[in-house]
Amino acid sequence: MFDVRHIERYRENGHLEAKLATGGLPRSIWETYSAFANTWGGLILLGVEELEDHSLRIQGLLNAQEMLEEFLALVRDPKVASADLVGEKGGEVVPTAQGDILVLRIPPAPRNLRPVYVGGDPYRGSYRREGEADLHCTAEEVAAMLAGRD
């Protein structure tokens, strides 16, 4: 279970991604969303930066609630994401001494929704998580996920 009080103990990995997001909702959030959905799920932390030593530090967000509302609206748009796996309860604003952060819980997608892709094209917008990287799925991986749908 993730505990924001001990953020310095965490590192980005196959289930955790930190994004500073001081300039608003990062464009790269959608690649991470797809990657988590198509693998084992994970947490996206907005308002948290990864330092050179790979430790995490809270920077906080100015408008975390607005950012959450923006994300929830966009994830429902089929031009942005092929499936909303988050729903109303999948994101929360967490107050900390350093400022508010946004925690998004991305579950793994059920087989009948895979691949979860972004930008309207499963072959261009499907990602998978490998370590702390979001990698494009190959055409063969996308075809296999599409064939595995019920």
N, C-alpha and C. Protein backbone atom coordinates (compact mmCIF):
# COMPACT_ATOMS: atom_id res chain seq x y z
N MET A 1 0.84 -1.18 0.00
CA MET A 1 0.00 0.00 0.00
C MET A 1 0.89 1.25 0.00
N PHE A 2 0.56 2.20 -0.83
CA PHE A 2 1.33 3.43 -0.96
C PHE A 2 1.06 4.36 0.22
N ASP A 3 2.12 4.89 0.81
CA ASP A 3 2.01 5.81 1.94
C ASP A 3 2.80 7.08 1.61
N VAL A 4 2.08 8.15 1.32
CA VAL A 4 2.70 9.40 0.90
C VAL A 4 3.63 9.97 1.98
N ARG A 5 3.41 9.61 3.24
CA ARG A 5 4.27 10.11 4.32
C ARG A 5 5.70 9.60 4.20
N HIS A 6 5.89 8.54 3.43
CA HIS A 6 7.23 7.96 3.27
C HIS A 6 7.64 7.95 1.80
N ILE A 7 7.33 9.03 1.11
CA ILE A 7 7.58 9.11 -0.34
C ILE A 7 9.05 8.89 -0.68
N GLU A 8 9.95 9.29 0.20
CA GLU A 8 11.38 9.15 -0.09
C GLU A 8 11.82 7.69 -0.19
N ARG A 9 11.01 6.77 0.28
CA ARG A 9 11.34 5.33 0.22
C ARG A 9 11.01 4.72 -1.14
N TYR A 10 10.22 5.40 -1.93
CA TYR A 10 9.74 4.84 -3.19
C TYR A 10 10.64 5.22 -4.36
N ARG A 11 10.58 4.40 -5.38
CA ARG A 11 11.26 4.66 -6.65
C ARG A 11 10.29 4.35 -7.77
N GLU A 12 10.45 5.01 -8.90
CA GLU A 12 9.64 4.65 -10.05
C GLU A 12 9.95 3.21 -10.41
N ASN A 13 8.90 2.50 -10.86
CA ASN A 13 9.07 1.10 -11.23
C ASN A 13 7.91 0.70 -12.14
N GLY A 14 7.68 -0.57 -12.26
CA GLY A 14 6.61 -1.07 -13.12
C GLY A 14 5.21 -0.72 -12.67
N HIS A 15 5.09 -0.24 -11.44
CA HIS A 15 3.77 0.10 -10.88
C HIS A 15 3.68 1.52 -10.36
N LEU A 16 4.72 2.32 -10.52
CA LEU A 16 4.73 3.67 -9.95
C LEU A 16 5.42 4.64 -10.91
N GLU A 17 4.73 5.74 -11.21
CA GLU A 17 5.28 6.78 -12.08
C GLU A 17 5.03 8.12 -11.42
N ALA A 18 6.07 8.94 -11.30
CA ALA A 18 5.97 10.29 -10.74
C ALA A 18 6.13 11.30 -11.86
N LYS A 19 5.29 12.32 -11.83
CA LYS A 19 5.37 13.39 -12.82
C LYS A 19 5.25 14.72 -12.08
N LEU A 20 6.14 15.65 -12.40
CA LEU A 20 6.17 16.93 -11.72
C LEU A 20 4.88 17.72 -11.96
N ALA A 21 4.45 17.82 -13.19
CA ALA A 21 3.17 18.41 -13.57
C ALA A 21 2.97 19.85 -13.12
N THR A 22 4.04 20.62 -12.98
CA THR A 22 3.88 22.01 -12.57
C THR A 22 3.29 22.87 -13.68
N GLY A 23 3.40 22.44 -14.92
CA GLY A 23 2.84 23.19 -16.04
C GLY A 23 1.47 22.70 -16.47
N GLY A 24 0.83 21.91 -15.65
CA GLY A 24 -0.48 21.36 -15.99
C GLY A 24 -0.38 19.86 -16.24
N LEU A 25 -1.47 19.30 -16.69
CA LEU A 25 -1.54 17.86 -16.94
C LEU A 25 -0.52 17.49 -18.03
N PRO A 26 0.47 16.65 -17.71
CA PRO A 26 1.51 16.32 -18.69
C PRO A 26 0.95 15.49 -19.85
N ARG A 27 1.41 15.76 -21.05
CA ARG A 27 0.98 14.98 -22.22
C ARG A 27 1.37 13.52 -22.08
N SER A 28 2.51 13.26 -21.43
CA SER A 28 3.01 11.89 -21.29
C SER A 28 2.17 11.05 -20.34
N ILE A 29 1.23 11.66 -19.65
CA ILE A 29 0.38 10.90 -18.73
C ILE A 29 -0.41 9.84 -19.48
N TRP A 30 -0.75 10.11 -20.73
CA TRP A 30 -1.59 9.17 -21.50
C TRP A 30 -0.83 7.93 -21.89
N GLU A 31 0.45 8.07 -22.19
CA GLU A 31 1.28 6.89 -22.47
C GLU A 31 1.37 6.01 -21.23
N THR A 32 1.57 6.64 -20.07
CA THR A 32 1.65 5.89 -18.82
C THR A 32 0.31 5.23 -18.49
N TYR A 33 -0.76 5.95 -18.72
CA TYR A 33 -2.11 5.40 -18.49
C TYR A 33 -2.29 4.12 -19.32
N SER A 34 -1.99 4.20 -20.61
CA SER A 34 -2.11 3.04 -21.49
C SER A 34 -1.19 1.91 -21.04
N ALA A 35 0.05 2.25 -20.70
CA ALA A 35 1.03 1.23 -20.30
C ALA A 35 0.59 0.49 -19.04
N PHE A 36 0.14 1.23 -18.03
CA PHE A 36 -0.33 0.58 -16.81
C PHE A 36 -1.56 -0.27 -17.10
N ALA A 37 -2.49 0.26 -17.88
CA ALA A 37 -3.72 -0.48 -18.19
C ALA A 37 -3.42 -1.78 -18.94
N ASN A 38 -2.43 -1.77 -19.79
CA ASN A 38 -2.12 -2.95 -20.61
C ASN A 38 -1.17 -3.93 -19.93
N THR A 39 -0.69 -3.59 -18.75
CA THR A 39 0.17 -4.51 -18.02
C THR A 39 -0.47 -4.81 -16.67
N TRP A 40 0.15 -4.37 -15.56
CA TRP A 40 -0.30 -4.78 -14.23
C TRP A 40 -0.99 -3.68 -13.44
N GLY A 41 -1.24 -2.54 -14.08
CA GLY A 41 -1.80 -1.41 -13.35
C GLY A 41 -0.72 -0.68 -12.59
N GLY A 42 -1.10 0.44 -11.97
CA GLY A 42 -0.11 1.19 -11.20
C GLY A 42 -0.66 2.51 -10.71
N LEU A 43 0.22 3.27 -10.07
CA LEU A 43 -0.09 4.59 -9.54
C LEU A 43 0.66 5.64 -10.31
N ILE A 44 -0.04 6.70 -10.68
CA ILE A 44 0.59 7.88 -11.26
C ILE A 44 0.49 8.98 -10.20
N LEU A 45 1.63 9.55 -9.84
CA LEU A 45 1.69 10.62 -8.85
C LEU A 45 2.00 11.92 -9.57
N LEU A 46 1.11 12.89 -9.48
CA LEU A 46 1.34 14.20 -10.07
C LEU A 46 1.67 15.19 -8.96
N GLY A 47 2.69 16.02 -9.22
CA GLY A 47 3.17 16.94 -8.19
C GLY A 47 4.35 16.36 -7.44
N VAL A 48 4.92 15.30 -8.00
CA VAL A 48 6.06 14.60 -7.39
C VAL A 48 7.16 14.52 -8.44
N GLU A 49 8.37 14.88 -8.03
CA GLU A 49 9.48 14.80 -8.98
C GLU A 49 10.43 13.68 -8.62
N GLU A 50 11.05 13.13 -9.66
CA GLU A 50 12.09 12.12 -9.47
C GLU A 50 13.43 12.85 -9.50
N LEU A 51 14.22 12.67 -8.46
CA LEU A 51 15.53 13.32 -8.35
C LEU A 51 16.60 12.50 -9.06
N GLU A 52 17.79 13.07 -9.19
CA GLU A 52 18.89 12.39 -9.88
C GLU A 52 19.21 11.03 -9.29
N ASP A 53 19.09 10.90 -7.97
CA ASP A 53 19.38 9.62 -7.32
C ASP A 53 18.18 8.66 -7.37
N HIS A 54 17.16 9.04 -8.13
CA HIS A 54 15.93 8.27 -8.36
C HIS A 54 14.97 8.27 -7.17
N SER A 55 15.29 9.03 -6.12
CA SER A 55 14.32 9.17 -5.04
C SER A 55 13.23 10.14 -5.48
N LEU A 56 12.13 10.15 -4.76
CA LEU A 56 11.00 11.00 -5.10
C LEU A 56 10.87 12.11 -4.08
N ARG A 57 10.42 13.27 -4.55
CA ARG A 57 10.21 14.42 -3.67
C ARG A 57 8.93 15.13 -4.08
N ILE A 58 8.12 15.45 -3.10
CA ILE A 58 6.87 16.16 -3.35
C ILE A 58 7.17 17.63 -3.63
N GLN A 59 6.63 18.12 -4.72
CA GLN A 59 6.70 19.53 -5.07
C GLN A 59 5.34 20.19 -4.85
N GLY A 60 4.29 19.42 -5.02
CA GLY A 60 2.94 19.94 -4.86
C GLY A 60 2.40 20.56 -6.15
N LEU A 61 1.10 20.71 -6.18
CA LEU A 61 0.40 21.29 -7.33
C LEU A 61 -0.40 22.49 -6.87
N LEU A 62 -0.50 23.50 -7.73
CA LEU A 62 -1.28 24.68 -7.39
C LEU A 62 -2.78 24.40 -7.45
N ASN A 63 -3.21 23.65 -8.45
CA ASN A 63 -4.63 23.40 -8.66
C ASN A 63 -4.88 21.91 -8.84
N ALA A 64 -4.61 21.12 -7.82
CA ALA A 64 -4.72 19.67 -7.92
C ALA A 64 -6.14 19.23 -8.23
N GLN A 65 -7.13 19.85 -7.62
CA GLN A 65 -8.53 19.46 -7.86
C GLN A 65 -8.93 19.74 -9.31
N GLU A 66 -8.52 20.86 -9.84
CA GLU A 66 -8.79 21.18 -11.25
C GLU A 66 -8.11 20.17 -12.18
N MET A 67 -6.88 19.79 -11.84
CA MET A 67 -6.15 18.82 -12.65
C MET A 67 -6.85 17.47 -12.61
N LEU A 68 -7.34 17.07 -11.45
CA LEU A 68 -8.08 15.82 -11.34
C LEU A 68 -9.34 15.87 -12.20
N GLU A 69 -10.08 16.95 -12.13
CA GLU A 69 -11.29 17.09 -12.95
C GLU A 69 -10.97 17.06 -14.44
N GLU A 70 -9.88 17.71 -14.83
CA GLU A 70 -9.46 17.69 -16.23
C GLU A 70 -9.13 16.27 -16.67
N PHE A 71 -8.36 15.55 -15.85
CA PHE A 71 -8.01 14.18 -16.18
C PHE A 71 -9.26 13.31 -16.32
N LEU A 72 -10.17 13.41 -15.36
CA LEU A 72 -11.39 12.59 -15.39
C LEU A 72 -12.25 12.89 -16.61
N ALA A 73 -12.29 14.14 -17.04
CA ALA A 73 -13.04 14.49 -18.25
C ALA A 73 -12.35 13.93 -19.49
N LEU A 74 -11.04 14.07 -19.56
CA LEU A 74 -10.31 13.61 -20.75
C LEU A 74 -10.30 12.09 -20.88
N VAL A 75 -10.20 11.37 -19.76
CA VAL A 75 -10.12 9.91 -19.83
C VAL A 75 -11.43 9.32 -20.35
N ARG A 76 -12.53 10.06 -20.24
CA ARG A 76 -13.82 9.60 -20.76
C ARG A 76 -13.99 9.90 -22.26
N ASP A 77 -13.11 10.69 -22.81
CA ASP A 77 -13.19 11.09 -24.22
C ASP A 77 -12.53 10.00 -25.08
N PRO A 78 -13.30 9.33 -25.95
CA PRO A 78 -12.71 8.25 -26.76
C PRO A 78 -11.62 8.73 -27.73
N LYS A 79 -11.55 10.03 -27.99
CA LYS A 79 -10.46 10.55 -28.83
C LYS A 79 -9.15 10.59 -28.05
N VAL A 80 -9.26 10.59 -26.72
CA VAL A 80 -8.08 10.63 -25.86
C VAL A 80 -7.68 9.22 -25.43
N ALA A 81 -8.63 8.48 -24.84
CA ALA A 81 -8.34 7.13 -24.33
C ALA A 81 -9.47 6.20 -24.73
N SER A 82 -9.13 4.98 -25.07
CA SER A 82 -10.13 4.02 -25.54
C SER A 82 -11.03 3.51 -24.43
N ALA A 83 -10.62 3.65 -23.17
CA ALA A 83 -11.43 3.15 -22.05
C ALA A 83 -11.12 3.96 -20.80
N ASP A 84 -12.16 4.21 -20.02
CA ASP A 84 -12.01 4.86 -18.72
C ASP A 84 -11.95 3.77 -17.67
N LEU A 85 -10.76 3.50 -17.17
CA LEU A 85 -10.58 2.50 -16.12
C LEU A 85 -10.53 3.12 -14.74
N VAL A 86 -10.49 4.43 -14.68
CA VAL A 86 -10.31 5.13 -13.43
C VAL A 86 -11.64 5.41 -12.73
N GLY A 87 -12.61 5.91 -13.49
CA GLY A 87 -13.89 6.26 -12.89
C GLY A 87 -13.73 7.40 -11.89
N GLU A 88 -14.81 7.75 -11.24
CA GLU A 88 -14.82 8.88 -10.31
C GLU A 88 -13.96 8.65 -9.07
N LYS A 89 -13.76 7.40 -8.67
CA LYS A 89 -13.07 7.11 -7.41
C LYS A 89 -11.60 6.73 -7.60
N GLY A 90 -11.11 6.74 -8.83
CA GLY A 90 -9.74 6.30 -9.10
C GLY A 90 -8.68 7.35 -8.92
N GLY A 91 -9.09 8.57 -8.63
CA GLY A 91 -8.11 9.63 -8.42
C GLY A 91 -8.44 10.39 -7.16
N GLU A 92 -7.41 10.87 -6.49
CA GLU A 92 -7.67 11.66 -5.29
C GLU A 92 -6.58 12.70 -5.10
N VAL A 93 -7.00 13.83 -4.56
CA VAL A 93 -6.07 14.88 -4.17
C VAL A 93 -5.64 14.55 -2.74
N VAL A 94 -4.32 14.48 -2.54
CA VAL A 94 -3.77 14.15 -1.23
C VAL A 94 -3.00 15.36 -0.70
N PRO A 95 -3.48 15.97 0.38
CA PRO A 95 -2.75 17.10 0.95
C PRO A 95 -1.50 16.62 1.70
N THR A 96 -0.42 17.35 1.53
CA THR A 96 0.82 17.06 2.26
C THR A 96 1.38 18.39 2.77
N ALA A 97 2.36 18.32 3.62
CA ALA A 97 3.00 19.53 4.13
C ALA A 97 3.67 20.33 3.02
N GLN A 98 4.10 19.65 1.96
CA GLN A 98 4.77 20.32 0.84
C GLN A 98 3.80 20.81 -0.23
N GLY A 99 2.54 20.47 -0.12
CA GLY A 99 1.53 20.85 -1.11
C GLY A 99 0.71 19.65 -1.52
N ASP A 100 -0.37 19.92 -2.20
CA ASP A 100 -1.25 18.84 -2.65
C ASP A 100 -0.62 18.07 -3.80
N ILE A 101 -0.83 16.76 -3.79
CA ILE A 101 -0.45 15.93 -4.93
C ILE A 101 -1.70 15.21 -5.43
N LEU A 102 -1.62 14.72 -6.63
CA LEU A 102 -2.72 13.97 -7.22
C LEU A 102 -2.27 12.53 -7.40
N VAL A 103 -3.05 11.60 -6.88
CA VAL A 103 -2.75 10.18 -7.00
C VAL A 103 -3.82 9.55 -7.89
N LEU A 104 -3.40 8.96 -8.99
CA LEU A 104 -4.30 8.28 -9.92
C LEU A 104 -4.01 6.79 -9.87
N ARG A 105 -5.03 6.01 -9.58
CA ARG A 105 -4.90 4.55 -9.51
C ARG A 105 -5.40 3.96 -10.82
N ILE A 106 -4.49 3.34 -11.56
CA ILE A 106 -4.83 2.76 -12.86
C ILE A 106 -4.83 1.25 -12.71
N PRO A 107 -6.01 0.61 -12.80
CA PRO A 107 -6.05 -0.85 -12.69
C PRO A 107 -5.66 -1.49 -14.02
N PRO A 108 -5.27 -2.75 -14.00
CA PRO A 108 -5.06 -3.44 -15.27
C PRO A 108 -6.40 -3.58 -15.98
N ALA A 109 -6.38 -3.43 -17.28
CA ALA A 109 -7.61 -3.54 -18.07
C ALA A 109 -8.04 -4.99 -18.19
N PRO A 110 -9.35 -5.24 -18.15
CA PRO A 110 -9.81 -6.59 -18.43
C PRO A 110 -9.51 -6.94 -19.89
N ARG A 111 -9.41 -8.22 -20.17
CA ARG A 111 -9.05 -8.68 -21.53
C ARG A 111 -9.94 -8.09 -22.61
N ASN A 112 -11.23 -7.94 -22.31
CA ASN A 112 -12.15 -7.46 -23.35
C ASN A 112 -11.96 -5.98 -23.68
N LEU A 113 -11.14 -5.26 -22.92
CA LEU A 113 -10.86 -3.85 -23.22
C LEU A 113 -9.44 -3.63 -23.73
N ARG A 114 -8.62 -4.67 -23.73
CA ARG A 114 -7.24 -4.52 -24.19
C ARG A 114 -7.13 -4.61 -25.69
N PRO A 115 -6.29 -3.84 -26.27
CA PRO A 115 -5.41 -2.88 -25.64
C PRO A 115 -6.14 -1.58 -25.31
N VAL A 116 -5.77 -0.99 -24.20
CA VAL A 116 -6.19 0.37 -23.90
C VAL A 116 -5.19 1.26 -24.63
N TYR A 117 -5.71 2.13 -25.49
CA TYR A 117 -4.83 2.95 -26.31
C TYR A 117 -5.25 4.40 -26.24
N VAL A 118 -4.37 5.26 -26.69
CA VAL A 118 -4.61 6.70 -26.66
C VAL A 118 -4.53 7.26 -28.07
N GLY A 119 -5.27 8.34 -28.30
CA GLY A 119 -5.21 9.00 -29.59
C GLY A 119 -6.05 8.38 -30.68
N GLY A 120 -6.89 7.41 -30.38
CA GLY A 120 -7.82 6.87 -31.35
C GLY A 120 -7.31 5.73 -32.22
N ASP A 121 -6.05 5.36 -32.12
CA ASP A 121 -5.50 4.31 -32.98
C ASP A 121 -4.78 3.27 -32.13
N PRO A 122 -5.30 2.02 -32.07
CA PRO A 122 -4.66 1.02 -31.23
C PRO A 122 -3.23 0.69 -31.64
N TYR A 123 -2.92 0.80 -32.93
CA TYR A 123 -1.58 0.44 -33.38
C TYR A 123 -0.55 1.54 -33.12
N ARG A 124 -1.00 2.77 -33.01
CA ARG A 124 -0.09 3.88 -32.70
C ARG A 124 -0.11 4.28 -31.24
N GLY A 125 -1.21 3.99 -30.54
CA GLY A 125 -1.39 4.52 -29.20
C GLY A 125 -1.44 3.50 -28.09
N SER A 126 -0.95 2.29 -28.33
CA SER A 126 -0.92 1.26 -27.28
C SER A 126 0.49 1.17 -26.70
N TYR A 127 0.54 1.16 -25.37
CA TYR A 127 1.81 1.11 -24.66
C TYR A 127 1.78 -0.02 -23.65
N ARG A 128 2.99 -0.42 -23.23
CA ARG A 128 3.14 -1.41 -22.18
C ARG A 128 4.21 -0.90 -21.23
N ARG A 129 4.16 -1.36 -20.00
CA ARG A 129 5.11 -0.92 -18.98
C ARG A 129 6.21 -1.96 -18.85
N GLU A 130 7.44 -1.50 -18.92
CA GLU A 130 8.60 -2.37 -18.72
C GLU A 130 9.57 -1.62 -17.81
N GLY A 131 9.69 -2.11 -16.57
CA GLY A 131 10.47 -1.37 -15.58
C GLY A 131 9.82 -0.03 -15.33
N GLU A 132 10.59 1.04 -15.49
CA GLU A 132 10.00 2.37 -15.31
C GLU A 132 9.76 3.07 -16.65
N ALA A 133 9.71 2.29 -17.72
CA ALA A 133 9.53 2.86 -19.06
C ALA A 133 8.16 2.50 -19.65
N ASP A 134 7.59 3.44 -20.38
CA ASP A 134 6.39 3.22 -21.17
C ASP A 134 6.84 2.99 -22.60
N LEU A 135 6.63 1.78 -23.11
CA LEU A 135 7.11 1.41 -24.45
C LEU A 135 5.94 1.19 -25.39
N HIS A 136 6.11 1.62 -26.64
CA HIS A 136 5.10 1.34 -27.66
C HIS A 136 4.93 -0.17 -27.80
N CYS A 137 3.71 -0.61 -27.89
CA CYS A 137 3.46 -2.02 -28.21
C CYS A 137 3.76 -2.24 -29.68
N THR A 138 4.27 -3.39 -30.00
CA THR A 138 4.49 -3.74 -31.40
C THR A 138 3.15 -4.07 -32.05
N ALA A 139 3.12 -4.08 -33.35
CA ALA A 139 1.89 -4.44 -34.08
C ALA A 139 1.45 -5.85 -33.69
N GLU A 140 2.40 -6.74 -33.46
CA GLU A 140 2.07 -8.11 -33.07
C GLU A 140 1.45 -8.14 -31.67
N GLU A 141 1.97 -7.35 -30.75
CA GLU A 141 1.39 -7.29 -29.40
C GLU A 141 -0.03 -6.74 -29.43
N VAL A 142 -0.24 -5.70 -30.23
CA VAL A 142 -1.59 -5.13 -30.34
C VAL A 142 -2.54 -6.14 -30.96
N ALA A 143 -2.11 -6.81 -32.01
CA ALA A 143 -2.95 -7.81 -32.67
C ALA A 143 -3.30 -8.94 -31.70
N ALA A 144 -2.35 -9.36 -30.89
CA ALA A 144 -2.60 -10.42 -29.92
C ALA A 144 -3.63 -9.98 -28.87
N MET A 145 -3.52 -8.73 -28.40
CA MET A 145 -4.50 -8.22 -27.43
C MET A 145 -5.88 -8.11 -28.06
N LEU A 146 -5.93 -7.64 -29.30
CA LEU A 146 -7.23 -7.53 -29.98
C LEU A 146 -7.85 -8.91 -30.19
N ALA A 147 -7.03 -9.89 -30.52
CA ALA A 147 -7.53 -11.25 -30.73
C ALA A 147 -8.00 -11.87 -29.41
N GLY A 148 -7.44 -11.43 -28.29
CA GLY A 148 -7.79 -11.98 -26.98
C GLY A 148 -9.06 -11.39 -26.38
N ARG A 149 -9.65 -10.40 -27.05
CA ARG A 149 -10.90 -9.83 -26.53
C ARG A 149 -12.01 -10.85 -26.63
N ASP A 150 -12.93 -10.81 -25.69
CA ASP A 150 -14.07 -11.76 -25.70
C ASP A 150 -15.06 -11.41 -26.78
